Protein backbone atom coordinates (compact mmCIF):
# COMPACT_ATOMS: atom_id res chain seq x y z
CA MET A 1 102.12 30.85 225.72
CA GLY A 2 103.96 30.20 229.18
CA GLY A 3 102.92 28.07 231.91
CA THR A 4 103.13 24.27 232.81
CA THR A 5 102.16 21.67 230.29
CA GLU A 6 98.97 21.09 232.43
CA GLN A 7 98.13 24.77 232.11
CA GLN A 8 98.75 24.83 228.47
CA ALA A 9 96.52 21.68 228.00
CA ARG A 10 93.76 23.40 230.11
CA HIS A 11 93.97 26.42 227.92
CA GLN A 12 93.50 24.25 224.83
CA GLN A 13 90.50 22.38 226.42
CA LEU A 14 88.76 25.70 227.09
CA GLY A 15 89.32 27.04 223.53
CA TYR A 16 91.74 29.63 224.79
CA MET A 17 92.40 32.08 221.89
CA ARG A 18 94.95 34.99 222.06
CA SER A 19 93.70 38.14 220.37
CA ASP A 20 96.25 40.52 218.77
CA ALA A 21 95.58 44.23 219.06
CA SER A 22 97.12 47.14 217.31
CA VAL A 23 97.46 50.72 218.29
CA GLU A 24 97.59 53.85 216.06
CA THR A 25 99.06 57.07 217.15
CA THR A 26 98.84 60.32 215.45
CA ILE A 27 101.33 63.18 215.90
CA THR A 28 100.88 66.74 214.67
CA MET A 29 104.37 68.56 214.22
CA MET A 30 105.18 72.14 212.83
CA ASP A 31 108.57 73.66 212.02
CA LYS A 32 109.89 77.19 212.18
CA LYS A 33 108.57 77.90 208.62
CA ASN A 34 105.18 76.86 209.64
CA ASN A 35 105.12 73.63 207.66
CA ARG A 36 102.49 71.44 209.37
CA VAL A 37 102.63 67.65 209.32
CA VAL A 38 100.19 65.01 210.71
CA ALA A 39 101.99 61.66 210.96
CA THR A 40 100.63 58.19 212.09
CA GLY A 41 102.38 55.16 213.31
CA THR A 42 100.88 51.74 213.94
CA SER A 43 102.14 48.89 215.99
CA PRO A 44 101.02 46.46 218.74
CA ASP A 45 103.19 48.42 221.18
CA ILE A 46 102.27 51.90 221.82
CA ILE A 47 105.78 53.15 222.33
CA VAL A 48 106.71 51.70 218.93
CA ALA A 49 103.70 53.23 217.30
CA SER A 50 104.59 56.71 218.68
CA VAL A 51 108.21 56.48 217.69
CA ASN A 52 107.10 55.42 214.07
CA ALA A 53 104.78 58.33 213.94
CA PHE A 54 107.57 60.75 215.07
CA VAL A 55 110.13 59.36 212.65
CA GLU A 56 107.49 59.77 209.76
CA GLY A 57 106.71 63.29 210.68
CA TYR A 58 110.27 64.38 211.36
CA ASN A 59 111.46 62.93 207.94
CA VAL A 60 108.70 64.83 206.05
CA LEU A 61 109.61 68.11 207.85
CA TRP A 62 113.28 67.52 207.31
CA SER A 63 112.58 66.99 203.54
CA ARG A 64 110.68 70.21 203.36
CA GLN A 65 113.66 72.14 204.94
CA LYS A 66 115.70 71.15 201.95
CA GLU A 67 113.22 72.87 199.50
């Protein structure tokens, strides 16, 4: 938490509480062989959640290409 010492003390007096949130993204992917994958990613940051979902889906599709 930033701010001056006075601001920090004021937040404590007011019972200031920080809430943590999380985002879940879902991506549907399909390859040339019509393999379809639904992948999810979760993170406090929507960009990171989206990348995690993409990586998960890509890895599953890639592993199916080897079959």
